[in-house]
Amino acid sequence: MSKNNTIDACVRDSLQAYFHDLDGTEPGGLYDMLIRAVEKPLLDVVMQQAGHNQSRAAEWLGLNRNTLRKKLVEHRLIASDKS
């Protein structure tokens, strides 16, 4: 990693390493892969910091609470209400 420990620098360094590891092979679905890779830890950490209060976490993230809940279920960070 670079000495610059900002989130964008970490993402940039990780992407550079990813392309290096591909060794010339073209990636597919890179955008969706990256969004999912970043979104899950983001939601997990924010939920922990918010004391698992979904309303507070949604406010911090700038999301509607229902949207946050849907994403938490998608990432299996909470159980779905549906049986």
PDB file of N, CA and C in Angstrom:
ATOM      1  N   MET A   1       0.830  -1.182   0.000  1.00  0.00           N
ATOM      2  CA  MET A   1       0.000   0.000   0.000  1.00  0.00           C
ATOM      3  C   MET A   1       0.877   1.250   0.000  1.00  0.00           C
ATOM      4  N   SER A   2       0.298   2.305  -0.490  1.00  0.00           N
ATOM      5  CA  SER A   2       1.037   3.559  -0.504  1.00  0.00           C
ATOM      6  C   SER A   2       1.085   4.155   0.897  1.00  0.00           C
ATOM      7  N   LYS A   3       1.942   5.133   1.078  1.00  0.00           N
ATOM      8  CA  LYS A   3       2.032   5.823   2.359  1.00  0.00           C
ATOM      9  C   LYS A   3       0.797   6.673   2.616  1.00  0.00           C
ATOM     10  N   ASN A   4       0.089   7.041   1.535  1.00  0.00           N
ATOM     11  CA  ASN A   4      -1.143   7.815   1.657  1.00  0.00           C
ATOM     12  C   ASN A   4      -2.253   6.834   2.027  1.00  0.00           C
ATOM     13  N   ASN A   5      -2.762   6.918   3.248  1.00  0.00           N
ATOM     14  CA  ASN A   5      -3.699   5.934   3.757  1.00  0.00           C
ATOM     15  C   ASN A   5      -5.158   6.341   3.574  1.00  0.00           C
ATOM     16  N   THR A   6      -5.454   7.184   2.593  1.00  0.00           N
ATOM     17  CA  THR A   6      -6.832   7.565   2.337  1.00  0.00           C
ATOM     18  C   THR A   6      -7.566   6.394   1.682  1.00  0.00           C
ATOM     19  N   ILE A   7      -8.880   6.423   1.768  1.00  0.00           N
ATOM     20  CA  ILE A   7      -9.661   5.340   1.170  1.00  0.00           C
ATOM     21  C   ILE A   7      -9.403   5.251  -0.332  1.00  0.00           C
ATOM     22  N   ASP A   8      -9.383   6.403  -1.011  1.00  0.00           N
ATOM     23  CA  ASP A   8      -9.166   6.348  -2.460  1.00  0.00           C
ATOM     24  C   ASP A   8      -7.786   5.805  -2.803  1.00  0.00           C
ATOM     25  N   ALA A   9      -6.781   6.112  -1.995  1.00  0.00           N
ATOM     26  CA  ALA A   9      -5.439   5.577  -2.246  1.00  0.00           C
ATOM     27  C   ALA A   9      -5.413   4.063  -2.036  1.00  0.00           C
ATOM     28  N   CYS A  10      -6.113   3.587  -1.019  1.00  0.00           N
ATOM     29  CA  CYS A  10      -6.183   2.144  -0.769  1.00  0.00           C
ATOM     30  C   CYS A  10      -6.881   1.421  -1.915  1.00  0.00           C
ATOM     31  N   VAL A  11      -7.983   1.999  -2.405  1.00  0.00           N
ATOM     32  CA  VAL A  11      -8.702   1.400  -3.528  1.00  0.00           C
ATOM     33  C   VAL A  11      -7.826   1.404  -4.770  1.00  0.00           C
ATOM     34  N   ARG A  12      -7.163   2.531  -5.022  1.00  0.00           N
ATOM     35  CA  ARG A  12      -6.278   2.641  -6.194  1.00  0.00           C
ATOM     36  C   ARG A  12      -5.168   1.586  -6.133  1.00  0.00           C
ATOM     37  N   ASP A  13      -4.523   1.456  -4.974  1.00  0.00           N
ATOM     38  CA  ASP A  13      -3.450   0.471  -4.819  1.00  0.00           C
ATOM     39  C   ASP A  13      -3.969  -0.957  -5.022  1.00  0.00           C
ATOM     40  N   SER A  14      -5.151  -1.236  -4.474  1.00  0.00           N
ATOM     41  CA  SER A  14      -5.736  -2.572  -4.626  1.00  0.00           C
ATOM     42  C   SER A  14      -6.072  -2.871  -6.081  1.00  0.00           C
ATOM     43  N   LEU A  15      -6.601  -1.878  -6.792  1.00  0.00           N
ATOM     44  CA  LEU A  15      -6.911  -2.071  -8.211  1.00  0.00           C
ATOM     45  C   LEU A  15      -5.649  -2.277  -9.039  1.00  0.00           C
ATOM     46  N   GLN A  16      -4.611  -1.512  -8.727  1.00  0.00           N
ATOM     47  CA  GLN A  16      -3.342  -1.697  -9.440  1.00  0.00           C
ATOM     48  C   GLN A  16      -2.815  -3.120  -9.224  1.00  0.00           C
ATOM     49  N   ALA A  17      -2.889  -3.608  -7.996  1.00  0.00           N
ATOM     50  CA  ALA A  17      -2.441  -4.970  -7.693  1.00  0.00           C
ATOM     51  C   ALA A  17      -3.321  -5.992  -8.413  1.00  0.00           C
ATOM     52  N   TYR A  18      -4.633  -5.737  -8.458  1.00  0.00           N
ATOM     53  CA  TYR A  18      -5.563  -6.636  -9.146  1.00  0.00           C
ATOM     54  C   TYR A  18      -5.201  -6.752 -10.626  1.00  0.00           C
ATOM     55  N   PHE A  19      -4.974  -5.603 -11.292  1.00  0.00           N
ATOM     56  CA  PHE A  19      -4.604  -5.638 -12.711  1.00  0.00           C
ATOM     57  C   PHE A  19      -3.245  -6.300 -12.909  1.00  0.00           C
ATOM     58  N   HIS A  20      -2.332  -6.075 -11.992  1.00  0.00           N
ATOM     59  CA  HIS A  20      -1.026  -6.730 -12.082  1.00  0.00           C
ATOM     60  C   HIS A  20      -1.194  -8.249 -12.009  1.00  0.00           C
ATOM     61  N   ASP A  21      -2.036  -8.706 -11.080  1.00  0.00           N
ATOM     62  CA  ASP A  21      -2.271 -10.138 -10.912  1.00  0.00           C
ATOM     63  C   ASP A  21      -2.978 -10.755 -12.120  1.00  0.00           C
ATOM     64  N   LEU A  22      -3.772  -9.956 -12.836  1.00  0.00           N
ATOM     65  CA  LEU A  22      -4.438 -10.462 -14.040  1.00  0.00           C
ATOM     66  C   LEU A  22      -3.438 -10.779 -15.149  1.00  0.00           C
ATOM     67  N   ASP A  23      -2.281 -10.129 -15.092  1.00  0.00           N
ATOM     68  CA  ASP A  23      -1.190 -10.389 -16.042  1.00  0.00           C
ATOM     69  C   ASP A  23      -1.666 -10.328 -17.494  1.00  0.00           C
ATOM     70  N   GLY A  24      -2.411  -9.247 -17.818  1.00  0.00           N
ATOM     71  CA  GLY A  24      -2.840  -9.037 -19.203  1.00  0.00           C
ATOM     72  C   GLY A  24      -4.214  -9.595 -19.529  1.00  0.00           C
ATOM     73  N   THR A  25      -4.762 -10.439 -18.679  1.00  0.00           N
ATOM     74  CA  THR A  25      -6.112 -10.952 -18.904  1.00  0.00           C
ATOM     75  C   THR A  25      -7.105  -9.825 -18.648  1.00  0.00           C
ATOM     76  N   GLU A  26      -8.062  -9.674 -19.551  1.00  0.00           N
ATOM     77  CA  GLU A  26      -9.038  -8.596 -19.392  1.00  0.00           C
ATOM     78  C   GLU A  26     -10.080  -8.974 -18.350  1.00  0.00           C
ATOM     79  N   PRO A  27     -10.377  -8.032 -17.437  1.00  0.00           N
ATOM     80  CA  PRO A  27     -11.385  -8.324 -16.408  1.00  0.00           C
ATOM     81  C   PRO A  27     -12.793  -8.234 -16.973  1.00  0.00           C
ATOM     82  N   GLY A  28     -13.720  -8.840 -16.284  1.00  0.00           N
ATOM     83  CA  GLY A  28     -15.131  -8.743 -16.650  1.00  0.00           C
ATOM     84  C   GLY A  28     -15.941  -8.416 -15.411  1.00  0.00           C
ATOM     85  N   GLY A  29     -16.927  -7.566 -15.559  1.00  0.00           N
ATOM     86  CA  GLY A  29     -17.799  -7.220 -14.435  1.00  0.00           C
ATOM     87  C   GLY A  29     -17.075  -6.513 -13.311  1.00  0.00           C
ATOM     88  N   LEU A  30     -16.070  -5.745 -13.658  1.00  0.00           N
ATOM     89  CA  LEU A  30     -15.223  -5.087 -12.666  1.00  0.00           C
ATOM     90  C   LEU A  30     -15.996  -4.119 -11.774  1.00  0.00           C
ATOM     91  N   TYR A  31     -16.883  -3.338 -12.349  1.00  0.00           N
ATOM     92  CA  TYR A  31     -17.634  -2.352 -11.568  1.00  0.00           C
ATOM     93  C   TYR A  31     -18.458  -3.033 -10.478  1.00  0.00           C
ATOM     94  N   ASP A  32     -19.264  -4.024 -10.867  1.00  0.00           N
ATOM     95  CA  ASP A  32     -20.097  -4.721  -9.882  1.00  0.00           C
ATOM     96  C   ASP A  32     -19.248  -5.433  -8.839  1.00  0.00           C
ATOM     97  N   MET A  33     -18.143  -6.033  -9.247  1.00  0.00           N
ATOM     98  CA  MET A  33     -17.259  -6.723  -8.314  1.00  0.00           C
ATOM     99  C   MET A  33     -16.713  -5.742  -7.273  1.00  0.00           C
ATOM    100  N   LEU A  34     -16.279  -4.579  -7.728  1.00  0.00           N
ATOM    101  CA  LEU A  34     -15.707  -3.592  -6.815  1.00  0.00           C
ATOM    102  C   LEU A  34     -16.759  -3.017  -5.872  1.00  0.00           C
ATOM    103  N   ILE A  35     -17.924  -2.694  -6.395  1.00  0.00           N
ATOM    104  CA  ILE A  35     -18.991  -2.144  -5.555  1.00  0.00           C
ATOM    105  C   ILE A  35     -19.365  -3.144  -4.467  1.00  0.00           C
ATOM    106  N   ARG A  36     -19.515  -4.401  -4.818  1.00  0.00           N
ATOM    107  CA  ARG A  36     -19.872  -5.413  -3.816  1.00  0.00           C
ATOM    108  C   ARG A  36     -18.743  -5.609  -2.808  1.00  0.00           C
ATOM    109  N   ALA A  37     -17.500  -5.541  -3.270  1.00  0.00           N
ATOM    110  CA  ALA A  37     -16.362  -5.722  -2.362  1.00  0.00           C
ATOM    111  C   ALA A  37     -16.259  -4.583  -1.357  1.00  0.00           C
ATOM    112  N   VAL A  38     -16.623  -3.379  -1.755  1.00  0.00           N
ATOM    113  CA  VAL A  38     -16.527  -2.219  -0.881  1.00  0.00           C
ATOM    114  C   VAL A  38     -17.790  -2.062  -0.030  1.00  0.00           C
ATOM    115  N   GLU A  39     -18.937  -2.372  -0.616  1.00  0.00           N
ATOM    116  CA  GLU A  39     -20.204  -2.126   0.061  1.00  0.00           C
ATOM    117  C   GLU A  39     -20.373  -2.970   1.329  1.00  0.00           C
ATOM    118  N   LYS A  40     -20.028  -4.239   1.268  1.00  0.00           N
ATOM    119  CA  LYS A  40     -20.238  -5.106   2.436  1.00  0.00           C
ATOM    120  C   LYS A  40     -19.430  -4.648   3.652  1.00  0.00           C
ATOM    121  N   PRO A  41     -18.114  -4.431   3.528  1.00  0.00           N
ATOM    122  CA  PRO A  41     -17.394  -3.962   4.712  1.00  0.00           C
ATOM    123  C   PRO A  41     -17.841  -2.564   5.157  1.00  0.00           C
ATOM    124  N   LEU A  42     -18.231  -1.716   4.220  1.00  0.00           N
ATOM    125  CA  LEU A  42     -18.742  -0.397   4.575  1.00  0.00           C
ATOM    126  C   LEU A  42     -19.977  -0.531   5.461  1.00  0.00           C
ATOM    127  N   LEU A  43     -20.927  -1.339   5.021  1.00  0.00           N
ATOM    128  CA  LEU A  43     -22.149  -1.523   5.790  1.00  0.00           C
ATOM    129  C   LEU A  43     -21.871  -2.168   7.138  1.00  0.00           C
ATOM    130  N   ASP A  44     -20.999  -3.153   7.153  1.00  0.00           N
ATOM    131  CA  ASP A  44     -20.664  -3.864   8.384  1.00  0.00           C
ATOM    132  C   ASP A  44     -20.049  -2.919   9.419  1.00  0.00           C
ATOM    133  N   VAL A  45     -19.069  -2.142   9.009  1.00  0.00           N
ATOM    134  CA  VAL A  45     -18.395  -1.228   9.936  1.00  0.00           C
ATOM    135  C   VAL A  45     -19.338  -0.119  10.406  1.00  0.00           C
ATOM    136  N   VAL A  46     -20.106   0.445   9.492  1.00  0.00           N
ATOM    137  CA  VAL A  46     -21.032   1.517   9.873  1.00  0.00           C
ATOM    138  C   VAL A  46     -22.078   0.987  10.848  1.00  0.00           C
ATOM    139  N   MET A  47     -22.592  -0.210  10.599  1.00  0.00           N
ATOM    140  CA  MET A  47     -23.572  -0.790  11.520  1.00  0.00           C
ATOM    141  C   MET A  47     -22.955  -0.999  12.901  1.00  0.00           C
ATOM    142  N   GLN A  48     -21.730  -1.462  12.962  1.00  0.00           N
ATOM    143  CA  GLN A  48     -21.062  -1.634  14.253  1.00  0.00           C
ATOM    144  C   GLN A  48     -20.907  -0.295  14.957  1.00  0.00           C
ATOM    145  N   GLN A  49     -20.444   0.707  14.230  1.00  0.00           N
ATOM    146  CA  GLN A  49     -20.217   2.031  14.813  1.00  0.00           C
ATOM    147  C   GLN A  49     -21.525   2.685  15.262  1.00  0.00           C
ATOM    148  N   ALA A  50     -22.616   2.340  14.585  1.00  0.00           N
ATOM    149  CA  ALA A  50     -23.925   2.896  14.925  1.00  0.00           C
ATOM    150  C   ALA A  50     -24.641   2.051  15.984  1.00  0.00           C
ATOM    151  N   GLY A  51     -23.941   1.111  16.570  1.00  0.00           N
ATOM    152  CA  GLY A  51     -24.551   0.259  17.586  1.00  0.00           C
ATOM    153  C   GLY A  51     -25.677  -0.595  17.029  1.00  0.00           C
ATOM    154  N   HIS A  52     -25.574  -0.962  15.757  1.00  0.00           N
ATOM    155  CA  HIS A  52     -26.567  -1.765  15.030  1.00  0.00           C
ATOM    156  C   HIS A  52     -27.930  -1.073  14.945  1.00  0.00           C
ATOM    157  N   ASN A  53     -27.915   0.239  15.068  1.00  0.00           N
ATOM    158  CA  ASN A  53     -29.127   1.043  14.917  1.00  0.00           C
ATOM    159  C   ASN A  53     -29.260   1.391  13.431  1.00  0.00           C
ATOM    160  N   GLN A  54     -30.211   0.743  12.761  1.00  0.00           N
ATOM    161  CA  GLN A  54     -30.352   0.919  11.315  1.00  0.00           C
ATOM    162  C   GLN A  54     -30.734   2.339  10.927  1.00  0.00           C
ATOM    163  N   SER A  55     -31.546   2.977  11.720  1.00  0.00           N
ATOM    164  CA  SER A  55     -31.934   4.355  11.395  1.00  0.00           C
ATOM    165  C   SER A  55     -30.728   5.278  11.449  1.00  0.00           C
ATOM    166  N   ARG A  56     -29.908   5.132  12.478  1.00  0.00           N
ATOM    167  CA  ARG A  56     -28.703   5.958  12.604  1.00  0.00           C
ATOM    168  C   ARG A  56     -27.727   5.654  11.464  1.00  0.00           C
ATOM    169  N   ALA A  57     -27.505   4.374  11.194  1.00  0.00           N
ATOM    170  CA  ALA A  57     -26.587   3.982  10.121  1.00  0.00           C
ATOM    171  C   ALA A  57     -27.068   4.517   8.777  1.00  0.00           C
ATOM    172  N   ALA A  58     -28.357   4.411   8.518  1.00  0.00           N
ATOM    173  CA  ALA A  58     -28.911   4.912   7.256  1.00  0.00           C
ATOM    174  C   ALA A  58     -28.676   6.410   7.129  1.00  0.00           C
ATOM    175  N   GLU A  59     -28.870   7.126   8.224  1.00  0.00           N
ATOM    176  CA  GLU A  59     -28.641   8.574   8.204  1.00  0.00           C
ATOM    177  C   GLU A  59     -27.176   8.870   7.899  1.00  0.00           C
ATOM    178  N   TRP A  60     -26.260   8.177   8.559  1.00  0.00           N
ATOM    179  CA  TRP A  60     -24.825   8.388   8.331  1.00  0.00           C
ATOM    180  C   TRP A  60     -24.445   8.106   6.882  1.00  0.00           C
ATOM    181  N   LEU A  61     -25.063   7.090   6.302  1.00  0.00           N
ATOM    182  CA  LEU A  61     -24.740   6.689   4.926  1.00  0.00           C
ATOM    183  C   LEU A  61     -25.475   7.527   3.886  1.00  0.00           C
ATOM    184  N   GLY A  62     -26.470   8.285   4.324  1.00  0.00           N
ATOM    185  CA  GLY A  62     -27.263   9.058   3.370  1.00  0.00           C
ATOM    186  C   GLY A  62     -28.201   8.176   2.575  1.00  0.00           C
ATOM    187  N   LEU A  63     -28.668   7.100   3.210  1.00  0.00           N
ATOM    188  CA  LEU A  63     -29.584   6.154   2.570  1.00  0.00           C
ATOM    189  C   LEU A  63     -30.922   6.168   3.281  1.00  0.00           C
ATOM    190  N   ASN A  64     -31.944   5.767   2.568  1.00  0.00           N
ATOM    191  CA  ASN A  64     -33.233   5.491   3.168  1.00  0.00           C
ATOM    192  C   ASN A  64     -33.071   4.233   4.025  1.00  0.00           C
ATOM    193  N   ARG A  65     -33.733   4.165   5.177  1.00  0.00           N
ATOM    194  CA  ARG A  65     -33.591   3.014   6.059  1.00  0.00           C
ATOM    195  C   ARG A  65     -33.987   1.711   5.359  1.00  0.00           C
ATOM    196  N   ASN A  66     -35.039   1.754   4.527  1.00  0.00           N
ATOM    197  CA  ASN A  66     -35.459   0.547   3.797  1.00  0.00           C
ATOM    198  C   ASN A  66     -34.392   0.102   2.802  1.00  0.00           C
ATOM    199  N   THR A  67     -33.722   1.045   2.170  1.00  0.00           N
ATOM    200  CA  THR A  67     -32.639   0.717   1.243  1.00  0.00           C
ATOM    201  C   THR A  67     -31.481   0.074   2.003  1.00  0.00           C
ATOM    202  N   LEU A  68     -31.141   0.649   3.155  1.00  0.00           N
ATOM    203  CA  LEU A  68     -30.086   0.055   3.974  1.00  0.00           C
ATOM    204  C   LEU A  68     -30.458  -1.362   4.361  1.00  0.00           C
ATOM    205  N   ARG A  69     -31.674  -1.551   4.836  1.00  0.00           N
ATOM    206  CA  ARG A  69     -32.107  -2.886   5.257  1.00  0.00           C
ATOM    207  C   ARG A  69     -32.001  -3.887   4.107  1.00  0.00           C
ATOM    208  N   LYS A  70     -32.426  -3.478   2.913  1.00  0.00           N
ATOM    209  CA  LYS A  70     -32.341  -4.356   1.734  1.00  0.00           C
ATOM    210  C   LYS A  70     -30.885  -4.743   1.464  1.00  0.00           C
ATOM    211  N   LYS A  71     -29.978  -3.784   1.553  1.00  0.00           N
ATOM    212  CA  LYS A  71     -28.561  -4.057   1.312  1.00  0.00           C
ATOM    213  C   LYS A  71     -27.974  -4.950   2.403  1.00  0.00           C
ATOM    214  N   LEU A  72     -28.389  -4.760   3.646  1.00  0.00           N
ATOM    215  CA  LEU A  72     -27.914  -5.612   4.738  1.00  0.00           C
ATOM    216  C   LEU A  72     -28.347  -7.056   4.522  1.00  0.00           C
ATOM    217  N   VAL A  73     -29.574  -7.250   4.056  1.00  0.00           N
ATOM    218  CA  VAL A  73     -30.065  -8.596   3.756  1.00  0.00           C
ATOM    219  C   VAL A  73     -29.301  -9.183   2.574  1.00  0.00           C
ATOM    220  N   GLU A  74     -29.103  -8.394   1.516  1.00  0.00           N
ATOM    221  CA  GLU A  74     -28.379  -8.867   0.322  1.00  0.00           C
ATOM    222  C   GLU A  74     -26.976  -9.360   0.678  1.00  0.00           C
ATOM    223  N   HIS A  75     -26.318  -8.653   1.589  1.00  0.00           N
ATOM    224  CA  HIS A  75     -24.952  -9.002   1.985  1.00  0.00           C
ATOM    225  C   HIS A  75     -24.923  -9.995   3.148  1.00  0.00           C
ATOM    226  N   ARG A  76     -26.109 -10.453   3.542  1.00  0.00           N
ATOM    227  CA  ARG A  76     -26.254 -11.415   4.645  1.00  0.00           C
ATOM    228  C   ARG A  76     -25.663 -10.900   5.947  1.00  0.00           C
ATOM    229  N   LEU A  77     -25.806  -9.601   6.165  1.00  0.00           N
ATOM    230  CA  LEU A  77     -25.358  -8.997   7.412  1.00  0.00           C
ATOM    231  C   LEU A  77     -26.477  -9.016   8.455  1.00  0.00           C
ATOM    232  N   ILE A  78     -27.717  -9.211   7.985  1.00  0.00           N
ATOM    233  CA  ILE A  78     -28.860  -9.447   8.859  1.00  0.00           C
ATOM    234  C   ILE A  78     -29.733 -10.493   8.176  1.00  0.00           C
ATOM    235  N   ALA A  79     -30.573 -11.126   8.961  1.00  0.00           N
ATOM    236  CA  ALA A  79     -31.493 -12.114   8.405  1.00  0.00           C
ATOM    237  C   ALA A  79     -32.709 -11.412   7.803  1.00  0.00           C
ATOM    238  N   SER A  80     -33.254 -12.019   6.777  1.00  0.00           N
ATOM    239  CA  SER A  80     -34.461 -11.496   6.168  1.00  0.00           C
ATOM    240  C   SER A  80     -35.649 -11.836   7.055  1.00  0.00           C
ATOM    241  N   ASP A  81     -36.650 -10.950   7.055  1.00  0.00           N
ATOM    242  CA  ASP A  81     -37.870 -11.213   7.821  1.00  0.00           C
ATOM    243  C   ASP A  81     -38.694 -12.321   7.187  1.00  0.00           C
ATOM    244  N   LYS A  82     -38.449 -12.553   5.901  1.00  0.00           N
ATOM    245  CA  LYS A  82     -39.221 -13.578   5.170  1.00  0.00           C
ATOM    246  C   LYS A  82     -38.727 -14.963   5.577  1.00  0.00           C
ATOM    247  N   SER A  83     -39.661 -15.862   5.824  1.00  0.00           N
ATOM    248  CA  SER A  83     -39.304 -17.227   6.231  1.00  0.00           C
ATOM    249  C   SER A  83     -39.362 -18.183   5.075  1.00  0.00           C
TER     250      SER A  83
END
